[in-house]
């Protein structure tokens, strides 16, 4: 049928059939998306592996008592802090206070973990 041979009734039927096919296709796509969405949410996520708890190391035991160095201000207890980090902390504090480090007394240094 050529388009010039089509009357208004035939054109209306053809248009309605075209719209019907398009809407049926859209409805099937929506149904497919809904089914896939339900299938994806229905799967239970695998339980997460338990996070291993960090064991708290024992406090560092002080070195055997001997004569103190000149200008030493007593013993220092370190809790969960490496020697290198403690030395940096003491140097920073002394620098900020503009006081020689041998005039300060540090009693203990403890690393604090923020959660």
N, C-alpha and C. Protein backbone atom coordinates (compact mmCIF):
# COMPACT_ATOMS: atom_id res chain seq x y z
N UNK A 1 0.83 -1.18 0.00
CA UNK A 1 0.00 0.00 0.00
C UNK A 1 0.87 1.24 0.00
N UNK A 2 0.71 2.06 -0.91
CA UNK A 2 1.44 3.32 -0.96
C UNK A 2 0.76 4.31 -0.03
N UNK A 3 1.51 5.27 0.45
CA UNK A 3 0.94 6.24 1.39
C UNK A 3 -0.17 7.06 0.75
N UNK A 4 -0.14 7.18 -0.56
CA UNK A 4 -1.19 7.96 -1.22
C UNK A 4 -2.49 7.16 -1.31
N UNK A 5 -2.40 5.81 -1.21
CA UNK A 5 -3.60 4.97 -1.28
C UNK A 5 -4.27 4.82 0.08
N UNK A 6 -3.67 5.33 1.16
CA UNK A 6 -4.18 5.13 2.51
C UNK A 6 -5.22 6.21 2.84
N UNK A 7 -6.35 5.76 3.32
CA UNK A 7 -7.35 6.74 3.74
C UNK A 7 -7.16 7.04 5.23
N UNK A 8 -7.98 7.87 5.79
CA UNK A 8 -7.85 8.31 7.19
C UNK A 8 -8.03 7.13 8.14
N UNK A 9 -8.94 6.24 7.88
CA UNK A 9 -9.17 5.08 8.76
C UNK A 9 -7.94 4.18 8.81
N UNK A 10 -7.34 3.91 7.63
CA UNK A 10 -6.15 3.05 7.59
C UNK A 10 -4.98 3.73 8.31
N UNK A 11 -4.83 5.03 8.14
CA UNK A 11 -3.75 5.76 8.81
C UNK A 11 -3.94 5.73 10.32
N UNK A 12 -5.18 5.85 10.79
CA UNK A 12 -5.47 5.81 12.22
C UNK A 12 -5.14 4.44 12.79
N UNK A 13 -5.53 3.38 12.11
CA UNK A 13 -5.25 2.02 12.58
C UNK A 13 -3.74 1.78 12.62
N UNK A 14 -3.03 2.23 11.59
CA UNK A 14 -1.57 2.05 11.55
C UNK A 14 -0.91 2.82 12.70
N UNK A 15 -1.35 4.03 12.97
CA UNK A 15 -0.77 4.84 14.05
C UNK A 15 -1.02 4.19 15.40
N UNK A 16 -2.25 3.71 15.63
CA UNK A 16 -2.59 3.07 16.91
C UNK A 16 -1.76 1.80 17.08
N UNK A 17 -1.59 1.03 16.02
CA UNK A 17 -0.79 -0.20 16.10
C UNK A 17 0.68 0.16 16.41
N UNK A 18 1.20 1.19 15.81
CA UNK A 18 2.58 1.62 16.09
C UNK A 18 2.76 2.06 17.52
N UNK A 19 1.82 2.86 18.01
CA UNK A 19 1.89 3.29 19.42
C UNK A 19 1.78 2.09 20.35
N UNK A 20 0.91 1.17 20.03
CA UNK A 20 0.75 -0.03 20.86
C UNK A 20 2.04 -0.83 20.95
N UNK A 21 2.73 -0.98 19.81
CA UNK A 21 3.99 -1.73 19.81
C UNK A 21 5.03 -1.00 20.65
N UNK A 22 5.10 0.33 20.52
CA UNK A 22 6.07 1.10 21.31
C UNK A 22 5.78 0.99 22.79
N UNK A 23 4.53 1.17 23.19
CA UNK A 23 4.18 1.09 24.61
C UNK A 23 4.37 -0.32 25.16
N UNK A 24 4.09 -1.34 24.36
CA UNK A 24 4.32 -2.71 24.79
C UNK A 24 5.82 -2.95 25.01
N UNK A 25 6.65 -2.42 24.12
CA UNK A 25 8.10 -2.53 24.29
C UNK A 25 8.59 -1.83 25.54
N UNK A 26 8.06 -0.65 25.81
CA UNK A 26 8.45 0.10 27.01
C UNK A 26 8.00 -0.66 28.26
N UNK A 27 6.80 -1.20 28.24
CA UNK A 27 6.29 -1.96 29.39
C UNK A 27 7.17 -3.18 29.66
N UNK A 28 7.60 -3.86 28.60
CA UNK A 28 8.47 -5.02 28.78
C UNK A 28 9.83 -4.61 29.35
N UNK A 29 10.37 -3.48 28.90
CA UNK A 29 11.63 -2.99 29.46
C UNK A 29 11.50 -2.64 30.94
N UNK A 30 10.39 -2.01 31.31
CA UNK A 30 10.16 -1.66 32.72
C UNK A 30 10.08 -2.93 33.55
N UNK A 31 9.35 -3.93 33.06
CA UNK A 31 9.22 -5.20 33.76
C UNK A 31 10.59 -5.86 33.93
N UNK A 32 11.39 -5.82 32.87
CA UNK A 32 12.72 -6.41 32.92
C UNK A 32 13.60 -5.70 33.96
N UNK A 33 13.54 -4.38 34.00
CA UNK A 33 14.34 -3.62 34.97
C UNK A 33 13.89 -3.93 36.39
N UNK A 34 12.60 -4.03 36.62
CA UNK A 34 12.08 -4.34 37.96
C UNK A 34 12.53 -5.73 38.38
N UNK A 35 12.44 -6.71 37.49
CA UNK A 35 12.84 -8.07 37.83
C UNK A 35 14.33 -8.16 38.13
N UNK A 36 15.14 -7.50 37.33
CA UNK A 36 16.59 -7.51 37.58
C UNK A 36 16.90 -6.80 38.90
N UNK A 37 16.20 -5.72 39.19
CA UNK A 37 16.41 -5.01 40.46
C UNK A 37 16.06 -5.88 41.65
N UNK A 38 14.97 -6.62 41.55
CA UNK A 38 14.59 -7.51 42.66
C UNK A 38 15.59 -8.65 42.80
N UNK A 39 16.07 -9.16 41.68
CA UNK A 39 17.05 -10.25 41.75
C UNK A 39 18.34 -9.76 42.40
N UNK A 40 18.74 -8.53 42.10
CA UNK A 40 19.99 -8.02 42.67
C UNK A 40 19.85 -7.73 44.17
N UNK A 41 18.70 -7.25 44.60
CA UNK A 41 18.53 -6.94 46.02
C UNK A 41 18.19 -8.19 46.82
N UNK A 42 17.73 -9.24 46.17
CA UNK A 42 17.38 -10.46 46.89
C UNK A 42 18.62 -11.20 47.35
N UNK A 43 19.74 -11.02 46.66
CA UNK A 43 20.97 -11.68 47.06
C UNK A 43 21.46 -11.07 48.36
N UNK A 44 21.71 -11.92 49.32
CA UNK A 44 22.21 -11.43 50.60
C UNK A 44 23.71 -11.20 50.45
N UNK A 45 24.19 -10.07 50.91
CA UNK A 45 25.62 -9.83 50.80
C UNK A 45 26.39 -10.81 51.69
N UNK A 46 27.53 -11.23 51.23
CA UNK A 46 28.35 -12.15 52.01
C UNK A 46 28.75 -11.44 53.29
N UNK A 47 28.74 -12.16 54.40
CA UNK A 47 29.12 -11.51 55.65
C UNK A 47 30.56 -11.03 55.57
N UNK A 48 30.75 -9.84 56.04
CA UNK A 48 32.08 -9.25 55.99
C UNK A 48 33.01 -10.00 56.93
N UNK A 49 34.23 -10.12 56.53
CA UNK A 49 35.21 -10.79 57.38
C UNK A 49 35.38 -9.96 58.65
N UNK A 50 35.46 -10.62 59.79
CA UNK A 50 35.60 -9.86 61.03
C UNK A 50 36.92 -9.10 61.03
N UNK A 51 36.84 -7.89 61.52
CA UNK A 51 38.03 -7.04 61.59
C UNK A 51 38.86 -7.52 62.76
N UNK A 52 40.10 -7.90 62.50
CA UNK A 52 40.91 -8.38 63.62
C UNK A 52 41.20 -7.26 64.60
N UNK A 53 41.07 -7.55 65.85
CA UNK A 53 41.34 -6.57 66.89
C UNK A 53 42.85 -6.42 67.05
N UNK A 54 43.27 -5.18 67.11
CA UNK A 54 44.69 -4.95 67.34
C UNK A 54 45.01 -5.25 68.79
N UNK A 55 46.00 -6.09 68.97
CA UNK A 55 46.40 -6.37 70.35
C UNK A 55 47.22 -5.20 70.86
N UNK A 56 46.91 -4.81 72.07
CA UNK A 56 47.65 -3.70 72.65
C UNK A 56 48.99 -4.24 73.14
N UNK A 57 50.06 -3.70 72.59
CA UNK A 57 51.36 -4.16 73.07
C UNK A 57 51.60 -3.71 74.50
N UNK A 58 52.38 -4.48 75.19
CA UNK A 58 52.69 -4.13 76.56
C UNK A 58 53.51 -2.84 76.55
N UNK A 59 53.38 -2.04 77.60
CA UNK A 59 54.17 -0.81 77.65
C UNK A 59 55.66 -1.15 77.55
N UNK A 60 56.40 -0.25 76.95
CA UNK A 60 57.84 -0.45 76.79
C UNK A 60 58.47 -0.41 78.17
N UNK A 61 59.25 -1.44 78.46
CA UNK A 61 59.91 -1.45 79.77
C UNK A 61 61.13 -0.56 79.70
N UNK A 62 61.36 0.21 80.74
CA UNK A 62 62.50 1.12 80.71
C UNK A 62 63.81 0.34 80.72
N UNK A 63 64.84 0.96 80.20
CA UNK A 63 66.17 0.36 80.20
C UNK A 63 66.65 0.20 81.64
N UNK A 64 67.58 -0.71 81.82
CA UNK A 64 68.10 -0.88 83.20
C UNK A 64 68.60 0.46 83.74
N UNK A 65 68.38 0.62 85.06
CA UNK A 65 68.75 1.89 85.70
C UNK A 65 70.26 2.03 85.71
N UNK A 66 70.70 3.14 85.31
CA UNK A 66 72.13 3.46 85.34
C UNK A 66 72.25 4.94 85.61
N UNK A 67 73.41 5.43 85.53
CA UNK A 67 73.54 6.87 85.76
C UNK A 67 72.87 7.65 84.64
N UNK A 68 72.17 8.67 85.01
CA UNK A 68 71.45 9.48 84.04
C UNK A 68 72.41 10.45 83.35
N UNK A 69 72.07 10.75 82.11
CA UNK A 69 72.89 11.70 81.36
C UNK A 69 72.75 13.09 81.95
N UNK A 70 73.73 13.93 81.77
CA UNK A 70 73.61 15.30 82.30
C UNK A 70 72.42 16.01 81.67
N UNK A 71 71.60 16.61 82.48
CA UNK A 71 70.44 17.33 82.00
C UNK A 71 69.20 16.46 81.86
N UNK A 72 69.29 15.16 82.16
CA UNK A 72 68.13 14.27 82.05
C UNK A 72 67.13 14.63 83.14
N UNK A 73 65.85 14.47 82.81
CA UNK A 73 64.81 14.88 83.76
C UNK A 73 63.96 13.70 84.21
N UNK A 74 64.50 12.52 84.31
CA UNK A 74 63.75 11.39 84.83
C UNK A 74 63.37 10.40 83.75
N UNK A 75 62.55 9.43 84.14
CA UNK A 75 62.13 8.36 83.24
C UNK A 75 60.96 8.80 82.37
N UNK A 76 60.88 8.20 81.21
CA UNK A 76 59.79 8.47 80.27
C UNK A 76 59.11 7.15 79.94
N UNK A 77 57.79 7.08 80.12
CA UNK A 77 57.05 5.87 79.77
C UNK A 77 56.37 6.09 78.43
N UNK A 78 56.56 5.13 77.51
CA UNK A 78 55.94 5.20 76.19
C UNK A 78 54.86 4.14 76.10
N UNK A 79 53.66 4.55 75.70
CA UNK A 79 52.55 3.63 75.53
C UNK A 79 52.12 3.68 74.06
N UNK A 80 52.29 2.58 73.34
CA UNK A 80 51.90 2.46 71.93
C UNK A 80 52.56 3.54 71.06
N UNK A 81 53.74 3.98 71.44
CA UNK A 81 54.43 5.02 70.68
C UNK A 81 55.86 4.57 70.40
N UNK A 82 56.26 4.51 69.14
CA UNK A 82 57.65 4.16 68.83
C UNK A 82 58.62 5.24 69.33
N UNK A 83 59.85 4.83 69.59
CA UNK A 83 60.86 5.77 70.10
C UNK A 83 61.04 6.96 69.15
N UNK A 84 61.06 6.69 67.85
CA UNK A 84 61.26 7.75 66.86
C UNK A 84 60.16 8.80 66.95
N UNK A 85 58.89 8.34 67.06
CA UNK A 85 57.77 9.28 67.16
C UNK A 85 57.84 10.08 68.46
N UNK A 86 58.24 9.42 69.56
CA UNK A 86 58.34 10.13 70.84
C UNK A 86 59.41 11.21 70.76
N UNK A 87 60.53 10.90 70.12
CA UNK A 87 61.60 11.89 69.98
C UNK A 87 61.13 13.09 69.17
N UNK A 88 60.35 12.83 68.09
CA UNK A 88 59.84 13.93 67.28
C UNK A 88 58.86 14.78 68.08
N UNK A 89 58.00 14.14 68.85
CA UNK A 89 57.01 14.89 69.65
C UNK A 89 57.74 15.79 70.66
N UNK A 90 58.74 15.23 71.34
CA UNK A 90 59.47 16.03 72.32
C UNK A 90 60.19 17.20 71.66
N UNK A 91 60.77 16.96 70.48
CA UNK A 91 61.47 18.04 69.78
C UNK A 91 60.50 19.13 69.34
N UNK A 92 59.33 18.73 68.86
CA UNK A 92 58.34 19.72 68.42
C UNK A 92 57.85 20.56 69.59
N UNK A 93 57.56 19.90 70.73
CA UNK A 93 57.09 20.63 71.91
C UNK A 93 58.15 21.63 72.37
N UNK A 94 59.41 21.18 72.42
CA UNK A 94 60.48 22.08 72.85
C UNK A 94 60.62 23.26 71.90
N UNK A 95 60.51 23.00 70.61
CA UNK A 95 60.63 24.07 69.62
C UNK A 95 59.48 25.06 69.74
N UNK A 96 58.26 24.56 69.90
CA UNK A 96 57.09 25.44 70.01
C UNK A 96 57.16 26.29 71.28
N UNK A 97 57.64 25.71 72.37
CA UNK A 97 57.72 26.45 73.64
C UNK A 97 58.97 27.31 73.72
N UNK A 98 59.90 27.14 72.77
CA UNK A 98 61.16 27.89 72.76
C UNK A 98 61.93 27.66 74.06
N UNK A 99 61.91 26.40 74.51
CA UNK A 99 62.62 26.00 75.73
C UNK A 99 63.57 24.86 75.34
N UNK A 100 64.79 24.85 75.82
CA UNK A 100 65.69 23.74 75.51
C UNK A 100 65.09 22.42 76.01
N UNK A 101 65.27 21.36 75.22
CA UNK A 101 64.63 20.09 75.54
C UNK A 101 65.10 19.52 76.86
N UNK A 102 66.35 19.83 77.28
CA UNK A 102 66.85 19.29 78.55
C UNK A 102 66.25 20.01 79.75
N UNK A 103 65.47 21.07 79.53
CA UNK A 103 64.80 21.76 80.63
C UNK A 103 63.34 21.33 80.77
N UNK A 104 62.89 20.48 79.86
CA UNK A 104 61.51 19.97 79.93
C UNK A 104 61.52 18.58 80.56
N UNK A 105 60.40 18.22 81.16
CA UNK A 105 60.26 16.88 81.74
C UNK A 105 59.03 16.23 81.13
N UNK A 106 59.25 15.17 80.39
CA UNK A 106 58.17 14.37 79.82
C UNK A 106 58.00 13.14 80.69
N UNK A 107 56.78 12.91 81.18
CA UNK A 107 56.52 11.77 82.05
C UNK A 107 56.10 10.55 81.25
N UNK A 108 55.16 10.75 80.31
CA UNK A 108 54.72 9.63 79.47
C UNK A 108 54.17 10.19 78.16
N UNK A 109 54.23 9.35 77.13
CA UNK A 109 53.67 9.69 75.83
C UNK A 109 52.83 8.50 75.40
N UNK A 110 51.59 8.79 75.02
CA UNK A 110 50.67 7.72 74.62
C UNK A 110 50.06 8.09 73.28
N UNK A 111 50.07 7.12 72.34
CA UNK A 111 49.45 7.34 71.04
C UNK A 111 47.96 7.12 71.20
N UNK A 112 47.18 8.06 70.69
CA UNK A 112 45.73 7.99 70.77
C UNK A 112 45.17 7.74 69.39
N UNK A 113 44.33 6.72 69.23
CA UNK A 113 43.72 6.39 67.94
C UNK A 113 42.34 6.98 67.88
N UNK A 114 42.08 7.79 66.87
CA UNK A 114 40.73 8.35 66.69
C UNK A 114 39.90 7.33 65.95
N UNK A 115 38.64 7.21 66.32
CA UNK A 115 37.74 6.24 65.66
C UNK A 115 36.83 6.95 64.73
